[in-house]
């Protein structure tokens, strides 16, 4: 009897092994790598070797920044020569392309080894053609310290600059019409470093990791927008003063926090009506900017051929100061990612749900992909005084994306994060245990050598199995 049972088990195992490929859906996981920020003439040979290794590893596509300032250095004149060559190399090794429409400056962030500012003509053009702009400073983010940032055009100038972005996208679409089948996704830069965020921790002022960062809403246009938002909400000073327990004599008195340090240290940002509503406006302004950017992209790429190409955008993993007992979640708040209340449960996506739903409404959830960074990081990254919950945050975003039925893909935040086993352990855990349907590694050099090559290949094999 035992012998017959053993024969039956062997038969069942053999039958199941043959049947399994027909039962199991084909993996839709995308394994991508980022190209260098710019490839110098002397580096093309090394890049080609990396492409060959990437192809052998099972990597599917290469992500590249399309620098606006490089392509349209002169208004209305588009030079795609560099990107034609880059795409040709990618195609040669039978990989797909994931271009990022990079409407931001390169050279101001960690790991930036290439300098490419915005096109110089755009500042004067916007000032000259729009009477509401009094100076070029109106077009920039201005921090609580009074320093301005020139790596991205501030969201309060969207109504003037979006038509220029749209024209750029239209020209890209026309130029690369013939290679649609080789394009995996078009990613849209929505802010600093290509991420949907304020430049709150860039080096133009003292808001740098791992402090809370700096609020970025002190330009003339930002202040006017805040006043208008509050006036529209309350209509009369009497209603405003009753709600805020203030004694304003005019709406013109309403401003962002005059002492931002005290605003956070005293917990005014989350314990008062003024603090909450100010941060709500600050966060909502960024979310609406992301919505406008993605709606514009959807409209541009709405042709029958192009609408099959996914569109993506990126939210950064601001993982520090999350559990700071004095200023909890303050770094995420200064970056504009979450409100200062309703940010503590699965029900509100730990603060991220409102922004994600705004940028990706239900009718776009089959088209728009959310990318999230810091998959390689651990909780307590950087030490206890950093108050990091990086891995927890990665899983929060994964759970929120699943709940909203949004296509989510991940990235490592820093190239050094894939140079050690711990970083890869964290990435693998997120991919296999959370809800990330793709991975883009920063960058191809690290991903195709030594530990990066070994662990990425193993991860691809695990996912496909």
Protein backbone atom coordinates (compact mmCIF):
# COMPACT_ATOMS: atom_id res chain seq x y z
CA UNK A 1 0.00 0.00 0.00
CA UNK A 2 2.82 2.40 0.88
CA UNK A 3 4.48 1.58 -2.44
CA UNK A 4 1.30 2.40 -4.41
CA UNK A 5 0.87 5.66 -2.46
CA UNK A 6 4.45 6.65 -3.36
CA UNK A 7 3.78 5.98 -7.05
CA UNK A 8 0.60 8.09 -6.86
CA UNK A 9 2.48 10.99 -5.21
CA UNK A 10 5.14 10.87 -7.92
CA UNK A 11 2.44 10.94 -10.62
CA UNK A 12 0.62 13.89 -9.01
CA UNK A 13 3.87 15.86 -8.63
CA UNK A 14 4.80 15.24 -12.26
CA UNK A 15 1.33 16.19 -13.50
CA UNK A 16 1.26 19.40 -11.41
CA UNK A 17 4.70 20.44 -12.65
CA UNK A 18 3.46 20.23 -16.25
CA UNK A 19 0.21 22.01 -15.47
CA UNK A 20 1.67 24.84 -13.37
CA UNK A 21 2.93 27.03 -16.25
CA UNK A 22 -0.62 27.15 -17.63
CA UNK A 23 -2.13 28.06 -14.26
CA UNK A 24 0.37 30.69 -13.14
CA UNK A 25 0.04 34.16 -14.69
CA UNK A 26 3.10 35.55 -16.42
CA UNK A 27 5.11 37.86 -14.14
CA UNK A 28 4.51 41.57 -14.81
CA UNK A 29 7.44 42.64 -12.63
CA UNK A 30 9.69 45.21 -14.30
CA UNK A 31 13.38 45.27 -13.39
CA UNK A 32 14.97 48.54 -14.45
CA UNK A 33 18.24 50.41 -13.98
CA UNK A 34 19.05 54.12 -14.11
CA UNK A 35 21.57 55.32 -16.67
CA UNK A 36 24.21 57.87 -15.60
CA UNK A 37 22.98 61.46 -15.36
CA UNK A 38 25.01 62.16 -18.50
CA UNK A 39 27.45 59.98 -20.44
CA UNK A 40 30.67 61.67 -21.49
CA UNK A 41 32.34 60.66 -24.78
CA UNK A 42 34.98 58.64 -22.96
CA UNK A 43 32.38 56.62 -21.02
CA UNK A 44 30.25 55.10 -23.79
CA UNK A 45 32.26 51.89 -23.99
CA UNK A 46 31.82 51.21 -20.27
CA UNK A 47 28.11 51.99 -20.56
CA UNK A 48 27.70 49.45 -23.36
CA UNK A 49 29.35 46.76 -21.26
CA UNK A 50 26.92 47.57 -18.45
CA UNK A 51 23.99 47.29 -20.88
CA UNK A 52 25.14 43.84 -21.94
CA UNK A 53 25.41 42.67 -18.33
CA UNK A 54 22.00 44.17 -17.55
CA UNK A 55 20.44 42.29 -20.45
CA UNK A 56 21.98 39.01 -19.29
CA UNK A 57 20.71 39.61 -15.75
CA UNK A 58 17.10 39.84 -16.91
CA UNK A 59 16.75 43.61 -16.57
CA UNK A 60 13.99 44.94 -18.80
CA UNK A 61 14.53 48.69 -19.22
CA UNK A 62 16.87 51.63 -18.70
CA UNK A 63 15.69 54.86 -17.11
CA UNK A 64 17.27 58.10 -18.37
CA UNK A 65 16.80 61.76 -17.51
CA UNK A 66 15.76 63.94 -20.44
CA UNK A 67 17.28 67.24 -19.33
CA UNK A 68 15.06 70.11 -20.43
CA UNK A 69 17.95 72.57 -20.25
CA UNK A 70 20.08 70.32 -22.48
CA UNK A 71 17.47 69.68 -25.17
CA UNK A 72 15.92 73.15 -25.35
CA UNK A 73 18.86 75.41 -24.56
CA UNK A 74 17.34 77.88 -27.04
CA UNK A 75 13.63 78.51 -26.93
CA UNK A 76 11.75 76.41 -29.46
CA UNK A 77 14.89 74.71 -30.79
CA UNK A 78 15.11 71.07 -29.72
CA UNK A 79 18.34 69.09 -29.94
CA UNK A 80 17.70 65.35 -29.45
CA UNK A 81 21.07 64.17 -30.77
CA UNK A 82 22.42 62.95 -27.43
CA UNK A 83 19.21 61.05 -26.63
CA UNK A 84 19.02 59.53 -30.10
CA UNK A 85 22.46 58.05 -29.49
CA UNK A 86 21.53 56.92 -25.98
CA UNK A 87 18.34 55.24 -27.15
CA UNK A 88 20.22 53.57 -29.99
CA UNK A 89 22.58 51.92 -27.51
CA UNK A 90 19.69 50.76 -25.33
CA UNK A 91 17.91 49.28 -28.35
CA UNK A 92 21.10 47.59 -29.53
CA UNK A 93 21.09 45.47 -26.37
CA UNK A 94 17.37 44.75 -26.71
CA UNK A 95 16.38 46.71 -23.63
CA UNK A 96 13.45 49.09 -23.32
CA UNK A 97 13.56 52.79 -22.49
CA UNK A 98 12.04 54.70 -19.58
CA UNK A 99 12.61 58.43 -20.24
CA UNK A 100 12.11 60.94 -17.42
CA UNK A 101 10.92 64.37 -18.51
CA UNK A 102 13.32 66.23 -16.22
CA UNK A 103 11.99 69.76 -15.77
CA UNK A 104 14.49 70.37 -12.98
CA UNK A 105 18.13 71.30 -12.60
CA UNK A 106 20.82 68.68 -12.15
CA UNK A 107 23.67 69.40 -9.77
CA UNK A 108 21.99 70.34 -6.51
CA UNK A 109 21.32 66.98 -4.90
CA UNK A 110 23.22 64.09 -3.33
CA UNK A 111 25.02 62.08 -6.01
CA UNK A 112 24.71 64.71 -8.73
CA UNK A 113 27.96 64.51 -10.70
CA UNK A 114 26.68 66.48 -13.67
CA UNK A 115 25.67 70.11 -13.96
CA UNK A 116 22.66 71.04 -16.08
CA UNK A 117 20.58 74.10 -15.13
CA UNK A 118 17.15 74.98 -16.46
CA UNK A 119 17.17 76.78 -19.81
CA UNK A 120 18.24 80.35 -19.12
CA UNK A 121 15.64 81.88 -21.42
CA UNK A 122 12.65 80.58 -19.44
CA UNK A 123 13.03 82.97 -16.50
CA UNK A 124 13.02 86.18 -18.54
CA UNK A 125 10.34 84.84 -20.88
CA UNK A 126 7.91 84.19 -18.05
CA UNK A 127 8.62 87.55 -16.42
CA UNK A 128 8.31 89.47 -19.68
CA UNK A 129 5.07 87.86 -20.85
CA UNK A 130 3.09 87.91 -17.57
CA UNK A 131 2.35 91.17 -15.80
CA UNK A 132 1.54 89.41 -12.52
CA UNK A 133 5.21 88.42 -12.20
CA UNK A 134 7.04 91.35 -10.64
CA UNK A 135 10.49 89.73 -10.52
CA UNK A 136 12.20 86.44 -11.28
CA UNK A 137 12.08 85.70 -7.54
CA UNK A 138 8.31 85.27 -7.93
CA UNK A 139 9.03 82.17 -10.02
CA UNK A 140 11.20 80.48 -7.40
CA UNK A 141 10.65 78.69 -4.13
CA UNK A 142 11.66 80.95 -1.24
CA UNK A 143 12.36 79.33 2.09
CA UNK A 144 11.56 80.40 5.63
CA UNK A 145 15.13 81.71 5.77
CA UNK A 146 14.56 83.96 2.76
CA UNK A 147 16.80 82.01 0.37
CA UNK A 148 15.50 81.23 -3.11
CA UNK A 149 15.93 78.08 -5.15
CA UNK A 150 16.56 78.13 -8.89
CA UNK A 151 16.56 74.40 -9.67
CA UNK A 152 12.84 74.21 -10.40
CA UNK A 153 10.09 76.66 -11.26
CA UNK A 154 7.79 77.00 -8.26
CA UNK A 155 4.29 75.55 -8.45
CA UNK A 156 2.71 78.99 -7.96
CA UNK A 157 3.84 79.76 -11.54
CA UNK A 158 2.16 76.67 -13.01
CA UNK A 159 -0.43 78.61 -14.99
CA UNK A 160 2.36 80.26 -16.96
CA UNK A 161 4.93 77.48 -17.28
CA UNK A 162 2.71 74.43 -17.92
CA UNK A 163 2.13 75.41 -21.58
CA UNK A 164 5.92 75.43 -22.02
CA UNK A 165 6.23 71.98 -20.46
CA UNK A 166 3.40 70.77 -22.68
CA UNK A 167 5.14 72.03 -25.80
CA UNK A 168 8.27 70.13 -24.77
CA UNK A 169 6.29 66.92 -24.27
CA UNK A 170 4.60 67.36 -27.64
CA UNK A 171 7.97 67.68 -29.36
CA UNK A 172 9.31 64.62 -27.55
CA UNK A 173 6.24 62.66 -28.61
CA UNK A 174 6.62 63.68 -32.24
CA UNK A 175 10.35 62.97 -32.34
CA UNK A 176 10.06 59.48 -30.84
CA UNK A 177 6.78 58.43 -32.44
CA UNK A 178 8.48 55.63 -34.36
CA UNK A 179 9.88 53.91 -31.24
CA UNK A 180 6.78 53.73 -29.05
CA UNK A 181 7.12 49.96 -28.80
CA UNK A 182 10.53 50.39 -27.13
CA UNK A 183 9.26 52.78 -24.44
CA UNK A 184 8.29 51.10 -21.18
CA UNK A 185 7.04 54.24 -19.42
CA UNK A 186 7.27 58.03 -19.58
CA UNK A 187 8.05 59.50 -16.18
CA UNK A 188 7.17 63.13 -15.38
CA UNK A 189 9.40 65.25 -13.14
CA UNK A 190 7.17 67.14 -10.68
CA UNK A 191 9.79 68.87 -8.54
CA UNK A 192 13.31 68.86 -7.17
CA UNK A 193 15.37 65.81 -8.19
CA UNK A 194 12.40 64.80 -10.35
CA UNK A 195 10.26 64.11 -7.27
CA UNK A 196 6.90 65.48 -6.19
CA UNK A 197 8.13 67.53 -3.24
CA UNK A 198 9.25 70.96 -2.17
CA UNK A 199 13.05 71.53 -2.17
CA UNK A 200 12.92 71.51 1.61
CA UNK A 201 16.20 69.69 2.29
CA UNK A 202 18.36 70.90 -0.61
CA UNK A 203 21.55 72.81 -0.01
CA UNK A 204 20.34 76.30 -0.95
CA UNK A 205 19.68 76.92 2.74
CA UNK A 206 20.28 75.11 6.04
CA UNK A 207 17.45 72.62 5.68
CA UNK A 208 19.46 69.45 5.10
CA UNK A 209 19.25 65.80 6.17
CA UNK A 210 18.64 64.85 8.91
CA UNK A 211 16.95 68.00 10.22
CA UNK A 212 13.29 68.79 9.52
CA UNK A 213 14.09 70.81 6.39
CA UNK A 214 12.75 74.29 5.64
CA UNK A 215 9.31 75.48 4.58
CA UNK A 216 9.35 76.75 0.97
CA UNK A 217 6.36 79.11 0.73
CA UNK A 218 7.72 82.59 1.40
CA UNK A 219 7.68 84.04 -2.11
CA UNK A 220 5.24 86.83 -2.91
CA UNK A 221 3.06 84.52 -5.02
CA UNK A 222 2.99 81.84 -2.32
CA UNK A 223 1.93 84.29 0.37
CA UNK A 224 -0.80 85.71 -1.85
CA UNK A 225 -2.07 82.21 -2.58
CA UNK A 226 -2.21 81.35 1.12
CA UNK A 227 -4.20 84.51 1.88
CA UNK A 228 -6.60 83.82 -0.99
CA UNK A 229 -7.13 80.24 0.17
CA UNK A 230 -7.99 81.34 3.71
CA UNK A 231 -10.24 84.12 2.48
CA UNK A 232 -12.12 81.70 0.24
CA UNK A 233 -12.49 79.29 3.13
CA UNK A 234 -13.81 81.73 5.74
CA UNK A 235 -15.19 84.63 3.66
CA UNK A 236 -15.19 87.03 6.63
CA UNK A 237 -12.62 88.04 9.23
CA UNK A 238 -15.14 87.37 11.98
CA UNK A 239 -15.43 83.69 11.03
CA UNK A 240 -11.68 83.41 10.66
CA UNK A 241 -10.92 84.98 14.03
CA UNK A 242 -13.48 82.77 15.74
CA UNK A 243 -11.94 79.62 14.25
CA UNK A 244 -8.32 80.58 14.83
CA UNK A 245 -8.89 82.49 18.08
CA UNK A 246 -7.08 85.48 16.58
CA UNK A 247 -7.74 89.19 16.18
CA UNK A 248 -6.83 89.95 12.57
CA UNK A 249 -7.99 93.33 11.28
CA UNK A 250 -7.35 92.46 7.65
CA UNK A 251 -6.75 89.37 5.51
CA UNK A 252 -3.50 91.03 4.45
CA UNK A 253 -2.13 90.22 7.92
CA UNK A 254 -2.29 86.50 7.22
CA UNK A 255 1.11 85.02 6.49
CA UNK A 256 3.09 81.79 6.74
CA UNK A 257 4.77 81.33 10.14
CA UNK A 258 7.06 84.26 10.90
CA UNK A 259 9.14 82.09 13.22
CA UNK A 260 9.11 78.67 11.56
CA UNK A 261 11.47 77.15 14.13
CA UNK A 262 9.06 78.01 16.94
CA UNK A 263 6.13 76.89 14.77
CA UNK A 264 7.53 73.36 14.88
CA UNK A 265 9.21 73.32 18.29
CA UNK A 266 6.02 74.50 20.02
CA UNK A 267 3.99 71.96 18.01
CA UNK A 268 1.85 74.81 16.68
CA UNK A 269 1.98 73.02 13.33
CA UNK A 270 -0.24 70.23 14.62
CA UNK A 271 -2.05 71.50 17.72
CA UNK A 272 -3.68 74.74 16.50
CA UNK A 273 -6.28 75.57 13.84
CA UNK A 274 -3.85 77.99 12.21
CA UNK A 275 -1.05 75.41 12.14
CA UNK A 276 -3.17 72.63 10.74
CA UNK A 277 -4.82 74.78 8.09
CA UNK A 278 -1.54 76.31 7.01
CA UNK A 279 0.00 72.86 6.55
CA UNK A 280 -3.17 71.65 4.81
CA UNK A 281 -2.81 74.50 2.29
CA UNK A 282 0.93 73.81 1.90
CA UNK A 283 0.36 70.09 1.25
CA UNK A 284 -2.70 70.58 -0.95
CA UNK A 285 -0.80 73.10 -3.11
CA UNK A 286 1.83 70.47 -3.86
CA UNK A 287 -0.76 67.76 -4.50
CA UNK A 288 -2.64 69.97 -6.94
CA UNK A 289 0.63 70.72 -8.73
CA UNK A 290 1.23 66.99 -9.14
CA UNK A 291 -2.31 66.57 -10.41
CA UNK A 292 -1.86 69.34 -12.98
CA UNK A 293 1.43 67.87 -14.19
CA UNK A 294 0.00 64.38 -14.65
CA UNK A 295 -3.22 65.61 -16.24
CA UNK A 296 -1.13 67.56 -18.73
CA UNK A 297 0.93 64.46 -19.53
CA UNK A 298 -2.17 62.28 -19.93
CA UNK A 299 -3.62 64.83 -22.34
CA UNK A 300 -0.43 65.03 -24.41
CA UNK A 301 -0.04 61.25 -24.61
CA UNK A 302 -3.70 60.53 -25.35
CA UNK A 303 -3.23 59.42 -28.97
CA UNK A 304 -4.28 55.86 -29.76
CA UNK A 305 -0.64 54.72 -30.03
CA UNK A 306 0.68 56.56 -26.98
CA UNK A 307 -2.13 55.93 -24.53
CA UNK A 308 -0.87 52.37 -24.09
CA UNK A 309 2.38 53.74 -22.65
CA UNK A 310 2.20 54.09 -18.83
CA UNK A 311 2.97 57.44 -17.23
CA UNK A 312 4.77 57.70 -13.90
CA UNK A 313 5.86 60.11 -11.19
CA UNK A 314 7.94 59.79 -8.06
CA UNK A 315 7.38 60.49 -4.36
CA UNK A 316 10.55 60.48 -2.22
CA UNK A 317 10.99 58.43 0.92
CA UNK A 318 11.45 61.15 3.55
CA UNK A 319 12.11 58.72 6.36
CA UNK A 320 13.81 60.88 8.99
CA UNK A 321 12.22 62.71 11.96
CA UNK A 322 9.25 60.37 11.70
CA UNK A 323 9.23 59.47 15.39
CA UNK A 324 10.86 62.65 16.70
CA UNK A 325 9.14 63.16 20.09
CA UNK A 326 9.31 66.97 19.74
CA UNK A 327 8.58 67.40 16.01
CA UNK A 328 7.01 64.15 14.72
CA UNK A 329 6.81 63.76 10.93
CA UNK A 330 8.23 67.27 10.48
CA UNK A 331 10.61 66.40 7.59
CA UNK A 332 7.77 64.86 5.56
CA UNK A 333 5.62 67.89 6.35
CA UNK A 334 8.25 70.43 5.25
CA UNK A 335 8.61 68.47 2.01
CA UNK A 336 4.85 68.88 1.52
CA UNK A 337 4.00 65.18 1.49
CA UNK A 338 1.60 64.79 4.41
CA UNK A 339 -0.70 66.92 6.57
CA UNK A 340 0.12 67.57 10.21
CA UNK A 341 -2.98 65.67 11.37
CA UNK A 342 -4.86 62.60 10.12
CA UNK A 343 -1.53 60.95 9.36
CA UNK A 344 -1.36 58.13 11.88
CA UNK A 345 -3.37 55.17 10.59
CA UNK A 346 -3.94 52.81 7.69
CA UNK A 347 -7.28 54.55 7.14
CA UNK A 348 -5.52 57.72 5.93
CA UNK A 349 -2.48 55.99 4.44
CA UNK A 350 -0.41 57.35 7.34
CA UNK A 351 -0.84 60.77 5.75
CA UNK A 352 -0.05 59.84 2.13
CA UNK A 353 -3.45 58.73 0.89
CA UNK A 354 -4.83 62.21 0.24
CA UNK A 355 -1.92 63.21 -2.01
CA UNK A 356 -1.89 59.91 -3.89
CA UNK A 357 -5.64 60.07 -4.52
CA UNK A 358 -5.33 63.66 -5.73
CA UNK A 359 -2.56 62.96 -8.23
CA UNK A 360 -3.94 59.59 -9.36
CA UNK A 361 -7.75 59.77 -9.39
CA UNK A 362 -9.67 56.54 -10.00
CA UNK A 363 -9.98 56.96 -13.77
CA UNK A 364 -6.18 57.12 -14.16
CA UNK A 365 -5.19 54.20 -11.93
CA UNK A 366 -4.63 51.85 -14.84
CA UNK A 367 -2.40 54.41 -16.59
CA UNK A 368 -0.36 56.24 -13.94
CA UNK A 369 2.39 54.53 -11.92
CA UNK A 370 3.63 55.73 -8.54
CA UNK A 371 7.34 55.32 -7.83
CA UNK A 372 8.58 55.41 -4.24
CA UNK A 373 12.16 55.61 -3.01
CA UNK A 374 14.26 54.37 -0.07
CA UNK A 375 13.53 50.63 -0.48
CA UNK A 376 17.09 49.80 0.56
CA UNK A 377 16.88 51.49 3.95
CA UNK A 378 16.21 50.10 7.42
CA UNK A 379 14.31 51.48 10.37
CA UNK A 380 16.68 53.55 12.56
CA UNK A 381 18.68 54.37 9.43
CA UNK A 382 21.43 56.79 10.41
CA UNK A 383 21.14 56.24 14.14
CA UNK A 384 18.54 56.68 16.84
CA UNK A 385 18.68 60.49 16.83
CA UNK A 386 17.59 60.55 13.16
CA UNK A 387 14.25 59.01 14.17
CA UNK A 388 14.03 57.07 10.91
CA UNK A 389 11.32 54.55 10.08
CA UNK A 390 12.39 53.96 6.49
CA UNK A 391 11.36 50.33 6.11
CA UNK A 392 8.09 50.93 7.92
CA UNK A 393 7.39 53.80 5.53
CA UNK A 394 8.10 51.58 2.51
CA UNK A 395 5.47 49.12 3.72
CA UNK A 396 2.98 51.89 4.56
CA UNK A 397 3.16 53.10 0.97
CA UNK A 398 2.86 49.53 -0.29
CA UNK A 399 -0.26 48.89 1.77
CA UNK A 400 -1.80 52.21 0.70
CA UNK A 401 -1.15 51.49 -2.98
CA UNK A 402 -2.78 48.08 -2.62
CA UNK A 403 -5.82 49.58 -0.93
CA UNK A 404 -6.20 52.20 -3.68
CA UNK A 405 -5.44 49.66 -6.43
CA UNK A 406 -2.52 51.74 -7.70
CA UNK A 407 0.45 50.35 -9.60
CA UNK A 408 3.46 50.94 -7.35
CA UNK A 409 7.14 50.55 -8.17
CA UNK A 410 10.18 51.13 -5.99
CA UNK A 411 13.68 52.57 -6.06
CA UNK A 412 16.70 52.79 -3.83
CA UNK A 413 17.31 56.36 -2.68
CA UNK A 414 21.13 56.33 -2.82
CA UNK A 415 23.53 54.44 -5.08
CA UNK A 416 25.49 53.28 -2.04
CA UNK A 417 22.40 51.50 -0.78
CA UNK A 418 22.90 48.60 -3.20
CA UNK A 419 26.56 48.09 -2.35
CA UNK A 420 25.82 45.98 0.73
CA UNK A 421 23.82 42.91 1.69
CA UNK A 422 21.57 44.77 4.13
CA UNK A 423 20.38 47.14 1.43
CA UNK A 424 19.49 44.23 -0.84
CA UNK A 425 17.84 42.34 2.01
CA UNK A 426 15.55 45.33 2.54
CA UNK A 427 14.81 45.70 -1.18
CA UNK A 428 14.02 42.00 -1.50
CA UNK A 429 11.75 42.12 1.53
CA UNK A 430 9.77 45.05 0.06
CA UNK A 431 9.46 43.45 -3.38
CA UNK A 432 8.51 39.98 -2.18
CA UNK A 433 6.40 40.89 0.85
CA UNK A 434 4.80 44.24 -0.02
CA UNK A 435 3.07 45.44 -3.17
CA UNK A 436 5.84 46.72 -5.43
CA UNK A 437 5.41 45.57 -9.03
CA UNK A 438 8.76 46.85 -10.24
CA UNK A 439 12.19 48.08 -9.20
CA UNK A 440 14.47 50.73 -10.65
CA UNK A 441 18.00 50.70 -9.22
CA UNK A 442 20.27 53.68 -8.87
CA UNK A 443 22.49 53.25 -10.93
CA UNK A 444 23.44 50.87 -13.71
CA UNK A 445 27.12 50.87 -12.67
CA UNK A 446 26.32 49.61 -9.17
CA UNK A 447 23.54 47.28 -10.31
CA UNK A 448 25.69 45.44 -12.87
CA UNK A 449 28.77 44.83 -10.78
CA UNK A 450 29.75 42.74 -7.75
CA UNK A 451 27.04 42.46 -5.12
CA UNK A 452 24.56 44.47 -7.18
CA UNK A 453 24.80 42.09 -10.10
CA UNK A 454 24.52 39.02 -7.87
CA UNK A 455 21.61 40.14 -5.72
CA UNK A 456 19.59 41.83 -8.50
CA UNK A 457 19.88 38.71 -10.67
CA UNK A 458 18.75 36.53 -7.76
CA UNK A 459 15.81 38.85 -7.04
CA UNK A 460 14.66 38.80 -10.66
CA UNK A 461 14.80 35.01 -10.66
CA UNK A 462 12.83 34.80 -7.40
CA UNK A 463 10.11 37.11 -8.68
CA UNK A 464 9.81 35.24 -11.97
CA UNK A 465 9.57 31.93 -10.15
